[in-house]
Amino acid sequence: MKYYIIAGELSGDLHASNLMKALKKKDAQAEFAFWGGDLMHAQGGQLDMHYKSTAFMGIVDVLKNLGKIKRNFKQCKANILSFNPDLLILVDYPGFNLRMAEFAKKKGFIVYYYISPKIWAWKKKRAYKIKEFVDKLFVIFPFEIKFYKQFSYPVEFVGNPLLDAIENNIQNKKTKATFLEEHQLEDKPIIAILAGSRQQEIKHNLAIMLSVISKFPNHQFIMAAAASLDLEVYKSYTEKQNVKIIKDKTYDILQQSDAALITSGTATLEAALLGVPQLVCYRGDFFSYQIARRVMQVKYISLVNLVADKPIIKEYIQYQMTTDNLSAELEKILNDKQYRKNMLNNYKKMREILGGVGASERTADIICKSFSD
């Protein structure tokens, strides 16, 4: 079969690449073309556009790049028509992918969606568009089954693909001594800083996150730099700070860390699954924040709290994100043994909610069976 896949960011590249790997095991004739990243490219096939060229965040960033965004839509439509796939698989990335779903469905293509857009957080009405233009939706959080049920739209819960990625990393975990030597680090406890994978996130969050460093002289701070960004993006903020920047080794860093400061997103769930106590902090530009504050329809911004449906980890949003608040919570995470233990115990319960490993294989199996029936 011929598969066209669209993933628009780092996490989508990871999950789409694992799905491609699983599909190749079940479909010996699998042929791929895609918008994605390096991990998908490593699985083979035709890379039509790298996600680095399509990542825009926040209202201001989108408005500044409207011309490029329109060209991207036009280019993607042409790529799909040229490849003429048996199946279009969309991975998260709703602003772009829902438009591609509508286009492809109207052109007669079969459309599957792997990893539901987070429309349950805002823009719930997008569920009607998904119902109209997506033939099959694979969801990775149990609460999404109930959400889509209110729209009379059955979905496939396949488990969370992060469990697979985490399990692979745990099996290949390095010793602390090896990790320290490999990256020329001091033999001191580590606190990780994950400031996001987009330049706009770095711009609004990193300086405040770094401001806590001087308050923890007995620890070393490591910046987990995203593979999608040049190191220079970080260095302009870290040149006067005692922090080590390590690129594209997020899981390795987290596994050796005593705590982490994280700007929301998938990374919060990754840290929890790796058993790293954390605090969540997030600032956006003024206009994006004001809009989000009015339209957000969930109680929490972190996936950890959303999955657990209770506040397992503290969230410091916009004006709550201050040096004093972050420092106080970090101090509590590191030194209050009972507080730390409670957080780790809640992580275990959250993991049980997500189900077991094998999301990619389950999804690939459903896809292949749907075409063989």
Protein backbone atom coordinates (compact mmCIF):
# COMPACT_ATOMS: atom_id res chain seq x y z
CA MET A 1 0.00 0.00 0.00
CA LYS A 2 0.97 3.61 -0.49
CA TYR A 3 0.84 5.78 2.64
CA TYR A 4 1.07 9.56 2.75
CA ILE A 5 1.77 10.84 6.29
CA ILE A 6 1.76 14.40 7.64
CA ALA A 7 3.45 15.20 10.97
CA GLY A 8 4.20 18.82 11.80
CA GLU A 9 6.47 18.76 14.85
CA LEU A 10 9.12 16.84 16.77
CA SER A 11 6.78 14.56 18.73
CA GLY A 12 4.76 13.82 15.61
CA ASP A 13 7.96 12.83 13.81
CA LEU A 14 8.75 10.35 16.60
CA HIS A 15 5.32 8.73 16.72
CA ALA A 16 4.88 8.68 12.94
CA SER A 17 8.30 7.03 12.50
CA ASN A 18 7.35 4.27 14.95
CA LEU A 19 4.05 3.79 13.14
CA MET A 20 5.93 3.51 9.82
CA LYS A 21 8.22 0.89 11.37
CA ALA A 22 5.20 -1.10 12.55
CA LEU A 23 3.44 -0.80 9.19
CA LYS A 24 6.50 -2.14 7.37
CA LYS A 25 6.36 -5.28 9.53
CA LYS A 26 2.75 -5.94 8.55
CA ASP A 27 2.79 -4.64 4.97
CA ALA A 28 5.77 -5.81 2.93
CA GLN A 29 4.67 -3.55 0.06
CA ALA A 30 4.47 -0.40 2.19
CA GLU A 31 5.54 2.74 0.34
CA PHE A 32 5.77 6.11 2.08
CA ALA A 33 5.82 9.79 1.23
CA PHE A 34 5.47 12.39 3.96
CA TRP A 35 5.79 15.75 5.58
CA GLY A 36 7.79 15.08 8.73
CA GLY A 37 11.29 14.92 10.12
CA ASP A 38 14.54 13.02 10.36
CA LEU A 39 13.12 10.04 12.24
CA MET A 40 10.51 9.44 9.56
CA HIS A 41 13.13 9.89 6.86
CA ALA A 42 15.27 7.22 8.54
CA GLN A 43 12.41 4.73 8.01
CA GLY A 44 12.63 5.29 4.26
CA GLY A 45 10.41 6.99 1.74
CA GLN A 46 10.02 10.41 0.21
CA LEU A 47 10.38 13.46 2.48
CA ASP A 48 8.46 16.28 0.79
CA MET A 49 8.78 18.87 3.57
CA HIS A 50 10.61 18.99 6.91
CA TYR A 51 8.56 20.13 9.90
CA LYS A 52 11.22 22.73 10.73
CA SER A 53 9.88 24.72 7.79
CA THR A 54 6.28 24.58 8.99
CA ALA A 55 6.48 25.29 12.75
CA PHE A 56 4.65 28.49 13.68
CA MET A 57 3.40 29.20 17.19
CA GLY A 58 1.11 31.84 18.60
CA ILE A 59 -1.17 34.35 16.89
CA VAL A 60 1.62 36.85 16.17
CA ASP A 61 3.93 34.25 14.63
CA VAL A 62 1.14 32.92 12.42
CA LEU A 63 0.13 36.40 11.21
CA LYS A 64 3.73 37.23 10.33
CA ASN A 65 4.01 34.08 8.20
CA LEU A 66 0.60 33.93 6.51
CA GLY A 67 2.11 33.96 3.04
CA LYS A 68 4.39 31.03 3.78
CA ILE A 69 1.57 29.10 5.45
CA LYS A 70 -0.66 29.51 2.39
CA ARG A 71 2.18 28.28 0.14
CA ASN A 72 2.62 25.27 2.42
CA PHE A 73 -1.05 24.33 2.09
CA LYS A 74 -0.82 24.56 -1.69
CA GLN A 75 2.41 22.54 -1.79
CA CYS A 76 1.06 19.78 0.45
CA LYS A 77 -2.08 19.38 -1.65
CA ALA A 78 0.08 19.02 -4.76
CA ASN A 79 2.28 16.45 -3.02
CA ILE A 80 -0.71 14.33 -2.02
CA LEU A 81 -2.20 14.40 -5.51
CA SER A 82 1.15 13.55 -7.07
CA PHE A 83 1.79 10.57 -4.79
CA ASN A 84 -1.84 9.38 -5.03
CA PRO A 85 -1.82 7.34 -1.79
CA ASP A 86 -4.11 4.49 -0.80
CA LEU A 87 -4.30 6.10 2.64
CA LEU A 88 -3.57 9.53 4.10
CA ILE A 89 -2.45 9.36 7.75
CA LEU A 90 -2.50 12.60 9.72
CA VAL A 91 -0.58 12.93 12.99
CA ASP A 92 -1.83 15.57 15.48
CA TYR A 93 -0.97 19.12 14.14
CA PRO A 94 -4.65 20.17 13.77
CA GLY A 95 -4.37 23.66 12.28
CA PHE A 96 -2.77 22.19 9.17
CA ASN A 97 -3.98 18.60 9.17
CA LEU A 98 -7.70 19.26 9.49
CA ARG A 99 -7.54 21.35 6.32
CA MET A 100 -5.68 18.53 4.61
CA ALA A 101 -8.31 16.07 5.82
CA GLU A 102 -11.07 18.12 4.21
CA PHE A 103 -9.13 18.49 0.97
CA ALA A 104 -8.20 14.81 0.76
CA LYS A 105 -11.67 13.52 1.61
CA LYS A 106 -13.26 15.71 -1.04
CA LYS A 107 -10.73 14.33 -3.53
CA GLY A 108 -11.81 10.80 -2.69
CA PHE A 109 -8.88 9.69 -0.51
CA ILE A 110 -9.28 7.58 2.62
CA VAL A 111 -8.21 9.60 5.67
CA TYR A 112 -7.06 8.21 9.03
CA TYR A 113 -5.95 10.37 11.96
CA TYR A 114 -3.33 9.04 14.40
CA ILE A 115 -3.21 10.92 17.71
CA SER A 116 -6.26 13.10 18.05
CA PRO A 117 -5.82 16.87 18.02
CA LYS A 118 -6.33 18.29 21.51
CA ILE A 119 -9.67 19.78 20.57
CA TRP A 120 -11.02 18.78 23.99
CA ALA A 121 -8.90 21.64 25.37
CA TRP A 122 -10.39 24.22 23.03
CA LYS A 123 -12.20 24.42 19.70
CA LYS A 124 -14.45 21.47 20.53
CA LYS A 125 -16.52 22.15 17.43
CA ARG A 126 -13.65 20.79 15.37
CA ALA A 127 -15.01 17.38 16.33
CA TYR A 128 -17.73 17.87 13.71
CA LYS A 129 -15.08 18.44 11.06
CA ILE A 130 -13.21 15.32 12.15
CA LYS A 131 -16.43 13.31 12.02
CA GLU A 132 -17.13 14.56 8.50
CA PHE A 133 -13.68 14.22 6.95
CA VAL A 134 -11.81 11.53 8.92
CA ASP A 135 -12.67 7.88 8.27
CA LYS A 136 -10.94 6.51 11.36
CA LEU A 137 -9.50 8.26 14.42
CA PHE A 138 -6.91 6.69 16.75
CA VAL A 139 -6.79 8.24 20.22
CA ILE A 140 -4.08 7.86 22.87
CA PHE A 141 -5.84 9.04 26.04
CA PRO A 142 -8.75 7.12 27.62
CA PHE A 143 -10.74 10.30 28.31
CA GLU A 144 -10.86 10.99 24.56
CA ILE A 145 -13.24 8.05 24.07
CA LYS A 146 -15.84 9.78 26.25
CA PHE A 147 -15.20 13.13 24.60
CA TYR A 148 -15.93 11.88 21.09
CA LYS A 149 -18.89 9.81 22.25
CA GLN A 150 -20.84 13.03 22.80
CA PHE A 151 -20.51 13.63 19.06
CA SER A 152 -21.63 10.06 18.23
CA TYR A 153 -18.21 9.39 16.73
CA PRO A 154 -16.59 6.04 17.62
CA VAL A 155 -12.80 6.09 17.97
CA GLU A 156 -10.01 3.54 18.41
CA PHE A 157 -8.11 3.77 21.71
CA VAL A 158 -4.68 2.28 21.00
CA GLY A 159 -2.74 3.30 24.11
CA ASN A 160 -0.12 5.99 24.36
CA PRO A 161 2.93 5.72 22.04
CA LEU A 162 5.09 7.51 24.59
CA LEU A 163 5.06 4.32 26.65
CA ASP A 164 6.92 2.59 23.81
CA ALA A 165 9.49 5.35 23.47
CA ILE A 166 10.05 5.44 27.22
CA GLU A 167 10.37 1.66 27.47
CA ASN A 168 13.01 1.61 24.73
CA ASN A 169 14.98 4.27 26.55
CA ILE A 170 14.78 2.55 29.92
CA GLN A 171 16.17 -0.65 28.42
CA ASN A 172 19.17 1.29 27.08
CA LYS A 173 19.74 3.49 30.12
CA LYS A 174 23.32 4.60 30.70
CA THR A 175 24.97 4.57 34.09
CA LYS A 176 25.31 7.90 35.87
CA ALA A 177 29.12 7.69 35.59
CA THR A 178 28.96 7.08 31.84
CA PHE A 179 26.52 9.94 31.32
CA LEU A 180 28.65 12.39 33.34
CA GLU A 181 31.83 11.41 31.52
CA GLU A 182 30.24 11.48 28.07
CA HIS A 183 29.05 15.07 28.54
CA GLN A 184 31.93 16.31 30.75
CA LEU A 185 29.69 17.05 33.71
CA GLU A 186 30.38 17.49 37.40
CA ASP A 187 29.49 14.77 39.87
CA LYS A 188 26.58 16.77 41.30
CA PRO A 189 22.78 16.21 41.35
CA ILE A 190 21.11 17.27 38.11
CA ILE A 191 18.12 19.50 37.49
CA ALA A 192 16.81 19.44 33.91
CA ILE A 193 15.38 22.40 32.04
CA LEU A 194 13.04 21.69 29.11
CA ALA A 195 12.00 24.99 27.58
CA GLY A 196 10.13 23.71 24.52
CA SER A 197 10.91 22.88 20.91
CA ARG A 198 9.87 26.17 19.28
CA GLN A 199 11.70 29.49 19.22
CA GLN A 200 8.65 31.34 20.52
CA GLU A 201 8.53 29.10 23.59
CA ILE A 202 12.22 29.74 24.24
CA LYS A 203 11.72 33.48 23.85
CA HIS A 204 8.93 33.72 26.42
CA ASN A 205 10.03 31.11 28.97
CA LEU A 206 13.74 30.36 29.09
CA ALA A 207 15.06 33.48 30.83
CA ILE A 208 12.71 33.02 33.79
CA MET A 209 13.46 29.31 34.02
CA LEU A 210 17.18 30.04 34.14
CA SER A 211 16.71 32.66 36.86
CA VAL A 212 16.40 29.94 39.53
CA ILE A 213 19.91 28.56 38.95
CA SER A 214 21.72 30.77 41.46
CA LYS A 215 19.39 29.57 44.23
CA PHE A 216 20.56 25.95 43.91
CA PRO A 217 24.38 26.01 44.07
CA ASN A 218 24.62 22.34 45.05
CA HIS A 219 23.01 21.20 41.82
CA GLN A 220 24.02 21.39 38.16
CA PHE A 221 21.47 22.48 35.56
CA ILE A 222 21.26 20.87 32.14
CA MET A 223 19.35 22.39 29.25
CA ALA A 224 17.72 19.64 27.18
CA ALA A 225 17.93 21.32 23.78
CA ALA A 226 15.44 20.21 21.15
CA ALA A 227 16.80 18.56 18.01
CA SER A 228 14.69 20.92 15.91
CA LEU A 229 16.49 24.09 17.09
CA ASP A 230 20.00 25.40 16.58
CA LEU A 231 22.09 25.70 19.74
CA GLU A 232 22.49 29.42 19.08
CA VAL A 233 18.82 29.87 19.96
CA TYR A 234 19.65 28.77 23.51
CA LYS A 235 23.09 30.32 23.84
CA SER A 236 21.81 33.87 23.64
CA TYR A 237 20.04 33.21 26.95
CA THR A 238 22.56 30.95 28.66
CA GLU A 239 25.91 32.69 28.01
CA LYS A 240 25.94 34.25 31.50
CA GLN A 241 24.38 31.25 33.25
CA ASN A 242 26.00 28.19 34.78
CA VAL A 243 24.09 25.69 32.67
CA LYS A 244 25.18 22.93 30.31
CA ILE A 245 23.37 22.61 26.97
CA ILE A 246 22.96 19.10 25.57
CA LYS A 247 21.09 18.62 22.31
CA ASP A 248 18.73 15.80 21.35
CA LYS A 249 19.31 13.74 24.53
CA THR A 250 16.17 14.60 26.47
CA TYR A 251 15.40 11.11 27.74
CA ASP A 252 19.02 10.51 28.79
CA ILE A 253 19.02 13.80 30.70
CA LEU A 254 15.71 13.15 32.41
CA GLN A 255 16.77 9.69 33.51
CA GLN A 256 19.72 11.18 35.37
CA SER A 257 17.81 14.14 36.85
CA ASP A 258 16.49 14.67 40.37
CA ALA A 259 13.94 17.22 39.16
CA ALA A 260 12.85 19.13 36.06
CA LEU A 261 11.39 22.48 35.03
CA ILE A 262 9.24 21.98 31.95
CA THR A 263 7.17 24.22 29.67
CA SER A 264 4.04 22.08 29.43
CA GLY A 265 3.46 19.91 26.34
CA THR A 266 4.36 16.28 25.80
CA ALA A 267 7.54 16.65 27.85
CA THR A 268 5.53 16.74 31.08
CA LEU A 269 4.19 13.27 30.35
CA GLU A 270 7.63 12.01 29.33
CA ALA A 271 9.16 13.20 32.60
CA ALA A 272 6.36 11.57 34.60
CA LEU A 273 6.75 8.25 32.79
CA LEU A 274 10.49 8.38 33.52
CA GLY A 275 9.77 9.08 37.19
CA VAL A 276 11.18 12.60 37.37
CA PRO A 277 9.50 15.03 39.83
CA GLN A 278 8.71 18.26 38.01
CA LEU A 279 7.04 21.61 37.92
CA VAL A 280 5.33 23.07 34.88
CA CYS A 281 5.65 26.67 33.77
CA TYR A 282 4.46 28.46 30.68
CA ARG A 283 4.28 31.97 29.24
CA GLY A 284 3.06 33.00 25.83
CA ASP A 285 2.87 36.33 24.07
CA PHE A 286 0.26 38.71 25.48
CA PHE A 287 -2.31 38.31 22.71
CA SER A 288 -2.08 34.51 22.52
CA TYR A 289 -2.42 34.27 26.29
CA GLN A 290 -5.49 36.51 26.40
CA ILE A 291 -7.18 34.47 23.68
CA ALA A 292 -6.24 31.13 25.26
CA ARG A 293 -7.46 32.26 28.69
CA ARG A 294 -10.90 32.87 27.25
CA VAL A 295 -11.25 29.73 25.14
CA MET A 296 -9.44 26.99 27.09
CA GLN A 297 -11.95 24.39 28.24
CA VAL A 298 -9.78 22.19 30.48
CA LYS A 299 -8.71 22.53 34.10
CA TYR A 300 -5.00 21.93 33.50
CA ILE A 301 -2.34 22.63 30.88
CA SER A 302 -0.11 19.64 31.61
CA LEU A 303 -0.92 16.22 30.21
CA VAL A 304 0.06 14.66 33.53
CA ASN A 305 -2.73 16.43 35.39
CA LEU A 306 -5.19 15.98 32.53
CA VAL A 307 -4.70 12.22 32.41
CA ALA A 308 -4.90 11.89 36.20
CA ASP A 309 -7.78 14.39 36.34
CA LYS A 310 -6.22 15.99 39.40
CA PRO A 311 -3.26 18.31 40.17
CA ILE A 312 -0.33 15.90 40.52
CA ILE A 313 2.19 18.58 39.56
CA LYS A 314 2.13 22.36 40.06
CA GLU A 315 1.44 24.59 37.06
CA TYR A 316 2.69 28.17 36.90
CA ILE A 317 1.06 29.96 33.99
CA GLN A 318 1.83 33.41 32.58
CA TYR A 319 2.05 35.88 35.50
CA GLN A 320 2.34 33.09 38.07
CA MET A 321 5.59 32.09 36.40
CA THR A 322 8.05 33.99 38.58
CA THR A 323 11.50 33.22 39.93
CA ASP A 324 10.18 33.04 43.50
CA ASN A 325 7.35 30.66 42.66
CA LEU A 326 9.54 28.34 40.60
CA SER A 327 12.30 28.32 43.21
CA ALA A 328 9.93 27.57 46.08
CA GLU A 329 8.32 24.64 44.28
CA LEU A 330 11.68 23.27 43.14
CA GLU A 331 12.95 23.45 46.71
CA LYS A 332 9.91 21.48 47.87
CA ILE A 333 10.31 18.85 45.15
CA LEU A 334 13.96 18.29 46.04
CA ASN A 335 13.81 18.38 49.83
CA ASP A 336 10.32 17.48 51.05
CA LYS A 337 10.54 13.67 51.00
CA GLN A 338 6.83 13.02 51.51
CA TYR A 339 5.83 15.56 48.87
CA ARG A 340 8.22 13.95 46.41
CA LYS A 341 7.02 10.44 47.26
CA ASN A 342 3.37 11.42 46.73
CA MET A 343 4.18 12.80 43.30
CA LEU A 344 6.00 9.63 42.26
CA ASN A 345 3.16 7.43 43.53
CA ASN A 346 0.67 9.46 41.53
CA TYR A 347 2.86 9.00 38.46
CA LYS A 348 2.46 5.22 38.81
CA LYS A 349 -1.32 5.51 38.95
CA MET A 350 -1.31 7.79 35.92
CA ARG A 351 0.77 5.27 33.97
CA GLU A 352 -1.82 2.57 34.68
CA ILE A 353 -4.53 4.78 33.19
CA LEU A 354 -2.57 5.05 29.93
CA GLY A 355 -2.47 1.28 29.40
CA GLY A 356 0.44 -0.82 28.22
CA VAL A 357 3.07 -0.55 25.51
CA GLY A 358 2.41 -1.35 21.85
CA ALA A 359 0.41 1.62 20.53
CA SER A 360 2.23 1.69 17.17
CA GLU A 361 1.73 -2.03 16.61
CA ARG A 362 -1.94 -1.91 17.57
CA THR A 363 -2.53 1.02 15.23
CA ALA A 364 -0.68 -0.61 12.34
CA ASP A 365 -2.64 -3.83 12.90
CA ILE A 366 -6.00 -2.01 12.77
CA ILE A 367 -4.94 -0.12 9.63
CA CYS A 368 -3.84 -3.23 7.77
CA LYS A 369 -6.90 -5.25 8.81
CA SER A 370 -9.22 -2.43 7.72
CA PHE A 371 -7.86 -2.73 4.19
CA SER A 372 -7.85 -6.53 4.09
CA ASP A 373 -11.45 -6.96 5.25
